[in-house]
Amino acid sequence: FELSEEQQMMRRMVRDFAEKEIRPIAREMDATGQFPWDVVRKMGALGLLGLPIPEEYGGAGADTVSYAITVEEISRISGSIGITLAAHTSLGLYPLLLFGTEEQKRKYLPKLASGEGLAAFGLTEPEAGSDAGAVKTTAVLDGDHWVINGQKVFITSGSIADVVIIAAVTDKSAGRRGISNLIVEKGTP
């Protein structure tokens, strides 16, 4: 297995970025718990936050290996920024890309892929852990809005995300098949 020339160029670019932009702040960021918005926005400007997202939705349209290389190189310098990137892309953007309506993709993906916002995925619960089948959070359709009740914990970037995909029971009679993912925008009551 060998990396393509494009993948090798990606590795060099991301490694250089991580050394110049992340290494100088990594230790202090971890010590203070300060979120690195400047770095995240720079990653967005480089296309790193939407790497595997098709260009038609504002992403870079890169292959999965290039995405994995990027997560690896960022994580080599800062595991916390690496997991922020990975959770945003794999857990936040991919559900929208794979299962969102065309309208949802066009509404959310360009902003999120560009780094103007962050995405997160809310699965883990105090009583269910990360067992998706044991989720207790419920969502009931009330007119044209969903009313969500429950508690989520350990959501990477959850407190600052612009969009969180929430796993909730929408049909109790369907058992595990009655669990849906709902898009919740920051500031939603």
C-alpha atoms as a PDB file:
ATOM      1  CA  PHE A   1       0.000   0.000   0.000  1.00  0.00           C
ATOM      2  CA  GLU A   2       1.347   3.386  -0.984  1.00  0.00           C
ATOM      3  CA  LEU A   3      -0.116   6.835  -0.645  1.00  0.00           C
ATOM      4  CA  SER A   4      -0.896   8.668  -3.852  1.00  0.00           C
ATOM      5  CA  GLU A   5       1.009  11.865  -4.634  1.00  0.00           C
ATOM      6  CA  GLU A   6      -2.091  13.853  -3.643  1.00  0.00           C
ATOM      7  CA  GLN A   7      -2.313  12.018  -0.307  1.00  0.00           C
ATOM      8  CA  GLN A   8       1.382  12.618   0.349  1.00  0.00           C
ATOM      9  CA  MET A   9       0.888  16.322  -0.394  1.00  0.00           C
ATOM     10  CA  MET A  10      -2.064  16.347   2.009  1.00  0.00           C
ATOM     11  CA  ARG A  11       0.061  14.769   4.727  1.00  0.00           C
ATOM     12  CA  ARG A  12       2.809  17.362   4.265  1.00  0.00           C
ATOM     13  CA  MET A  13       0.354  20.262   4.260  1.00  0.00           C
ATOM     14  CA  VAL A  14      -1.519  19.092   7.362  1.00  0.00           C
ATOM     15  CA  ARG A  15       1.699  18.209   9.206  1.00  0.00           C
ATOM     16  CA  ASP A  16       3.075  21.681   8.469  1.00  0.00           C
ATOM     17  CA  PHE A  17      -0.190  23.286   9.603  1.00  0.00           C
ATOM     18  CA  ALA A  18      -0.245  21.264  12.827  1.00  0.00           C
ATOM     19  CA  GLU A  19       3.366  22.120  13.635  1.00  0.00           C
ATOM     20  CA  LYS A  20       2.913  25.846  12.976  1.00  0.00           C
ATOM     21  CA  GLU A  21      -0.610  26.456  14.249  1.00  0.00           C
ATOM     22  CA  ILE A  22      -1.358  23.794  16.862  1.00  0.00           C
ATOM     23  CA  ARG A  23       1.916  22.848  18.530  1.00  0.00           C
ATOM     24  CA  PRO A  24       2.524  26.367  19.951  1.00  0.00           C
ATOM     25  CA  ILE A  25      -0.852  26.381  21.740  1.00  0.00           C
ATOM     26  CA  ALA A  26      -1.465  22.683  22.456  1.00  0.00           C
ATOM     27  CA  ARG A  27      -0.044  22.475  25.974  1.00  0.00           C
ATOM     28  CA  GLU A  28      -1.722  25.683  27.179  1.00  0.00           C
ATOM     29  CA  MET A  29      -5.008  24.734  25.511  1.00  0.00           C
ATOM     30  CA  ASP A  30      -5.049  21.389  27.313  1.00  0.00           C
ATOM     31  CA  ALA A  31      -4.063  23.000  30.618  1.00  0.00           C
ATOM     32  CA  THR A  32      -6.715  25.735  30.485  1.00  0.00           C
ATOM     33  CA  GLY A  33      -9.501  23.911  28.657  1.00  0.00           C
ATOM     34  CA  GLN A  34      -9.788  26.849  26.255  1.00  0.00           C
ATOM     35  CA  PHE A  35     -11.380  25.864  22.940  1.00  0.00           C
ATOM     36  CA  PRO A  36      -9.137  26.760  19.962  1.00  0.00           C
ATOM     37  CA  TRP A  37     -11.651  28.605  17.766  1.00  0.00           C
ATOM     38  CA  ASP A  38      -8.889  30.329  15.790  1.00  0.00           C
ATOM     39  CA  VAL A  39      -7.309  27.002  14.865  1.00  0.00           C
ATOM     40  CA  VAL A  40     -10.666  25.426  14.049  1.00  0.00           C
ATOM     41  CA  ARG A  41     -11.553  28.327  11.740  1.00  0.00           C
ATOM     42  CA  LYS A  42      -8.155  28.022  10.029  1.00  0.00           C
ATOM     43  CA  MET A  43      -8.769  24.288   9.582  1.00  0.00           C
ATOM     44  CA  GLY A  44     -12.121  25.167   8.025  1.00  0.00           C
ATOM     45  CA  ALA A  45     -10.502  27.674   5.661  1.00  0.00           C
ATOM     46  CA  LEU A  46      -8.115  24.936   4.512  1.00  0.00           C
ATOM     47  CA  GLY A  47     -11.059  22.601   3.862  1.00  0.00           C
ATOM     48  CA  LEU A  48     -10.059  20.193   6.628  1.00  0.00           C
ATOM     49  CA  LEU A  49     -13.432  20.277   8.423  1.00  0.00           C
ATOM     50  CA  GLY A  50     -15.279  19.104   5.336  1.00  0.00           C
ATOM     51  CA  LEU A  51     -12.600  16.977   3.742  1.00  0.00           C
ATOM     52  CA  PRO A  52     -14.699  13.940   2.705  1.00  0.00           C
ATOM     53  CA  ILE A  53     -17.860  15.976   2.040  1.00  0.00           C
ATOM     54  CA  PRO A  54     -18.667  16.392  -1.686  1.00  0.00           C
ATOM     55  CA  GLU A  55     -17.882  19.771  -3.204  1.00  0.00           C
ATOM     56  CA  GLU A  56     -21.550  20.296  -4.097  1.00  0.00           C
ATOM     57  CA  TYR A  57     -22.214  20.599  -0.338  1.00  0.00           C
ATOM     58  CA  GLY A  58     -19.255  22.853   0.395  1.00  0.00           C
ATOM     59  CA  GLY A  59     -16.744  20.141   1.220  1.00  0.00           C
ATOM     60  CA  ALA A  60     -13.387  19.347  -0.315  1.00  0.00           C
ATOM     61  CA  GLY A  61     -14.525  16.091  -1.916  1.00  0.00           C
ATOM     62  CA  ALA A  62     -11.420  14.263  -0.702  1.00  0.00           C
ATOM     63  CA  ASP A  63     -11.085  10.524  -0.263  1.00  0.00           C
ATOM     64  CA  THR A  64     -11.355   8.728   3.069  1.00  0.00           C
ATOM     65  CA  VAL A  65      -7.616   8.003   3.250  1.00  0.00           C
ATOM     66  CA  SER A  66      -6.858  11.731   3.010  1.00  0.00           C
ATOM     67  CA  TYR A  67      -9.356  12.345   5.798  1.00  0.00           C
ATOM     68  CA  ALA A  68      -7.716   9.640   7.959  1.00  0.00           C
ATOM     69  CA  ILE A  69      -4.276  11.123   7.268  1.00  0.00           C
ATOM     70  CA  THR A  70      -5.557  14.523   8.358  1.00  0.00           C
ATOM     71  CA  VAL A  71      -6.985  13.212  11.630  1.00  0.00           C
ATOM     72  CA  GLU A  72      -3.726  11.338  12.255  1.00  0.00           C
ATOM     73  CA  GLU A  73      -1.509  14.365  11.621  1.00  0.00           C
ATOM     74  CA  ILE A  74      -3.622  16.727  13.729  1.00  0.00           C
ATOM     75  CA  SER A  75      -3.850  14.137  16.527  1.00  0.00           C
ATOM     76  CA  ARG A  76      -0.082  13.644  16.448  1.00  0.00           C
ATOM     77  CA  ILE A  77       0.215  17.186  17.831  1.00  0.00           C
ATOM     78  CA  SER A  78      -3.068  17.473  19.761  1.00  0.00           C
ATOM     79  CA  GLY A  79      -5.370  14.576  20.525  1.00  0.00           C
ATOM     80  CA  SER A  80      -8.102  16.969  21.614  1.00  0.00           C
ATOM     81  CA  ILE A  81      -8.116  18.903  18.332  1.00  0.00           C
ATOM     82  CA  GLY A  82      -7.857  15.609  16.440  1.00  0.00           C
ATOM     83  CA  ILE A  83     -10.959  14.225  18.168  1.00  0.00           C
ATOM     84  CA  THR A  84     -12.774  17.520  17.615  1.00  0.00           C
ATOM     85  CA  LEU A  85     -12.096  17.164  13.890  1.00  0.00           C
ATOM     86  CA  ALA A  86     -13.022  13.476  13.827  1.00  0.00           C
ATOM     87  CA  ALA A  87     -16.228  13.865  15.857  1.00  0.00           C
ATOM     88  CA  HIS A  88     -17.320  16.881  13.818  1.00  0.00           C
ATOM     89  CA  THR A  89     -16.792  15.076  10.528  1.00  0.00           C
ATOM     90  CA  SER A  90     -17.578  11.433  11.250  1.00  0.00           C
ATOM     91  CA  LEU A  91     -20.325  11.844  13.844  1.00  0.00           C
ATOM     92  CA  GLY A  92     -21.758  15.228  12.905  1.00  0.00           C
ATOM     93  CA  LEU A  93     -21.440  15.624   9.139  1.00  0.00           C
ATOM     94  CA  TYR A  94     -21.682  12.017   7.930  1.00  0.00           C
ATOM     95  CA  PRO A  95     -25.191  11.384   9.307  1.00  0.00           C
ATOM     96  CA  LEU A  96     -26.349  14.528   7.505  1.00  0.00           C
ATOM     97  CA  LEU A  97     -24.590  13.501   4.301  1.00  0.00           C
ATOM     98  CA  LEU A  98     -25.800   9.899   4.336  1.00  0.00           C
ATOM     99  CA  PHE A  99     -29.309  10.279   5.730  1.00  0.00           C
ATOM    100  CA  GLY A 100     -30.306  13.938   5.520  1.00  0.00           C
ATOM    101  CA  THR A 101     -32.782  15.227   2.997  1.00  0.00           C
ATOM    102  CA  GLU A 102     -31.454  17.286   0.115  1.00  0.00           C
ATOM    103  CA  GLU A 103     -32.808  20.395   1.843  1.00  0.00           C
ATOM    104  CA  GLN A 104     -30.999  19.500   5.096  1.00  0.00           C
ATOM    105  CA  LYS A 105     -27.725  18.824   3.263  1.00  0.00           C
ATOM    106  CA  ARG A 106     -27.856  22.179   1.498  1.00  0.00           C
ATOM    107  CA  LYS A 107     -28.816  24.009   4.681  1.00  0.00           C
ATOM    108  CA  TYR A 108     -26.251  22.551   7.079  1.00  0.00           C
ATOM    109  CA  LEU A 109     -23.287  21.009   5.269  1.00  0.00           C
ATOM    110  CA  PRO A 110     -21.767  24.109   3.612  1.00  0.00           C
ATOM    111  CA  LYS A 111     -21.629  26.066   6.880  1.00  0.00           C
ATOM    112  CA  LEU A 112     -20.307  23.109   8.844  1.00  0.00           C
ATOM    113  CA  ALA A 113     -17.808  21.947   6.205  1.00  0.00           C
ATOM    114  CA  SER A 114     -16.352  25.463   5.978  1.00  0.00           C
ATOM    115  CA  GLY A 115     -15.738  25.740   9.709  1.00  0.00           C
ATOM    116  CA  GLU A 116     -18.328  28.467  10.210  1.00  0.00           C
ATOM    117  CA  GLY A 117     -19.908  26.055  12.676  1.00  0.00           C
ATOM    118  CA  LEU A 118     -19.298  22.735  14.393  1.00  0.00           C
ATOM    119  CA  ALA A 119     -21.399  19.593  14.415  1.00  0.00           C
ATOM    120  CA  ALA A 120     -21.731  16.986  17.145  1.00  0.00           C
ATOM    121  CA  PHE A 121     -23.544  13.723  17.815  1.00  0.00           C
ATOM    122  CA  GLY A 122     -25.575  13.146  20.968  1.00  0.00           C
ATOM    123  CA  LEU A 123     -25.890   9.436  21.740  1.00  0.00           C
ATOM    124  CA  THR A 124     -24.411   8.759  25.182  1.00  0.00           C
ATOM    125  CA  GLU A 125     -26.755   8.888  28.183  1.00  0.00           C
ATOM    126  CA  PRO A 126     -26.216   8.405  31.924  1.00  0.00           C
ATOM    127  CA  GLU A 127     -28.329   5.215  31.981  1.00  0.00           C
ATOM    128  CA  ALA A 128     -27.515   3.892  28.508  1.00  0.00           C
ATOM    129  CA  GLY A 129     -23.862   4.733  28.024  1.00  0.00           C
ATOM    130  CA  SER A 130     -23.146   4.534  24.319  1.00  0.00           C
ATOM    131  CA  ASP A 131     -25.512   1.582  23.758  1.00  0.00           C
ATOM    132  CA  ALA A 132     -27.723   3.028  21.011  1.00  0.00           C
ATOM    133  CA  GLY A 133     -30.400   0.407  21.639  1.00  0.00           C
ATOM    134  CA  ALA A 134     -30.779   1.459  25.272  1.00  0.00           C
ATOM    135  CA  VAL A 135     -31.392   5.148  24.576  1.00  0.00           C
ATOM    136  CA  LYS A 136     -34.073   6.606  26.872  1.00  0.00           C
ATOM    137  CA  THR A 137     -34.368  10.086  25.337  1.00  0.00           C
ATOM    138  CA  THR A 138     -37.708  10.449  23.571  1.00  0.00           C
ATOM    139  CA  ALA A 139     -38.912  12.665  20.752  1.00  0.00           C
ATOM    140  CA  VAL A 140     -42.618  13.196  20.105  1.00  0.00           C
ATOM    141  CA  LEU A 141     -43.975  15.052  17.099  1.00  0.00           C
ATOM    142  CA  ASP A 142     -46.163  17.946  18.244  1.00  0.00           C
ATOM    143  CA  GLY A 143     -47.579  19.636  15.160  1.00  0.00           C
ATOM    144  CA  ASP A 144     -44.565  20.354  12.978  1.00  0.00           C
ATOM    145  CA  HIS A 145     -42.007  20.311  15.818  1.00  0.00           C
ATOM    146  CA  TRP A 146     -40.368  17.524  17.771  1.00  0.00           C
ATOM    147  CA  VAL A 147     -40.439  17.719  21.563  1.00  0.00           C
ATOM    148  CA  ILE A 148     -37.317  16.012  22.875  1.00  0.00           C
ATOM    149  CA  ASN A 149     -37.022  14.859  26.491  1.00  0.00           C
ATOM    150  CA  GLY A 150     -33.984  13.164  27.943  1.00  0.00           C
ATOM    151  CA  GLN A 151     -30.404  13.648  28.988  1.00  0.00           C
ATOM    152  CA  LYS A 152     -27.203  13.319  26.987  1.00  0.00           C
ATOM    153  CA  VAL A 153     -23.626  13.324  28.302  1.00  0.00           C
ATOM    154  CA  PHE A 154     -20.101  13.265  26.889  1.00  0.00           C
ATOM    155  CA  ILE A 155     -20.904  14.943  23.571  1.00  0.00           C
ATOM    156  CA  THR A 156     -17.627  16.009  21.964  1.00  0.00           C
ATOM    157  CA  SER A 157     -18.031  19.752  21.249  1.00  0.00           C
ATOM    158  CA  GLY A 158     -21.659  19.493  22.367  1.00  0.00           C
ATOM    159  CA  SER A 159     -21.666  22.684  24.412  1.00  0.00           C
ATOM    160  CA  ILE A 160     -20.334  24.762  21.516  1.00  0.00           C
ATOM    161  CA  ALA A 161     -21.724  22.928  18.479  1.00  0.00           C
ATOM    162  CA  ASP A 162     -24.042  24.745  16.105  1.00  0.00           C
ATOM    163  CA  VAL A 163     -25.803  21.502  15.216  1.00  0.00           C
ATOM    164  CA  VAL A 164     -26.144  18.339  17.290  1.00  0.00           C
ATOM    165  CA  ILE A 165     -27.571  15.140  15.840  1.00  0.00           C
ATOM    166  CA  ILE A 166     -29.565  13.611  18.729  1.00  0.00           C
ATOM    167  CA  ALA A 167     -30.498   9.924  19.002  1.00  0.00           C
ATOM    168  CA  ALA A 168     -33.991   9.573  20.464  1.00  0.00           C
ATOM    169  CA  VAL A 169     -36.822   7.062  20.652  1.00  0.00           C
ATOM    170  CA  THR A 170     -39.553   8.199  18.252  1.00  0.00           C
ATOM    171  CA  ASP A 171     -41.574   4.971  18.123  1.00  0.00           C
ATOM    172  CA  LYS A 172     -41.574   2.912  21.346  1.00  0.00           C
ATOM    173  CA  SER A 173     -43.566   0.107  19.729  1.00  0.00           C
ATOM    174  CA  ALA A 174     -40.768  -0.511  17.201  1.00  0.00           C
ATOM    175  CA  GLY A 175     -38.144  -1.313  19.831  1.00  0.00           C
ATOM    176  CA  ARG A 176     -34.600  -0.590  18.665  1.00  0.00           C
ATOM    177  CA  ARG A 177     -35.889   0.238  15.184  1.00  0.00           C
ATOM    178  CA  GLY A 178     -37.891   3.077  16.703  1.00  0.00           C
ATOM    179  CA  ILE A 179     -34.794   5.178  17.387  1.00  0.00           C
ATOM    180  CA  SER A 180     -34.255   8.177  15.128  1.00  0.00           C
ATOM    181  CA  ASN A 181     -31.663  10.886  14.753  1.00  0.00           C
ATOM    182  CA  LEU A 182     -32.921  14.441  14.911  1.00  0.00           C
ATOM    183  CA  ILE A 183     -31.113  17.638  13.979  1.00  0.00           C
ATOM    184  CA  VAL A 184     -31.048  20.106  16.858  1.00  0.00           C
ATOM    185  CA  GLU A 185     -29.722  23.591  16.170  1.00  0.00           C
ATOM    186  CA  LYS A 186     -27.880  25.606  18.821  1.00  0.00           C
ATOM    187  CA  GLY A 187     -30.357  27.717  20.773  1.00  0.00           C
ATOM    188  CA  THR A 188     -33.337  25.453  20.155  1.00  0.00           C
ATOM    189  CA  PRO A 189     -35.611  25.558  23.213  1.00  0.00           C
END
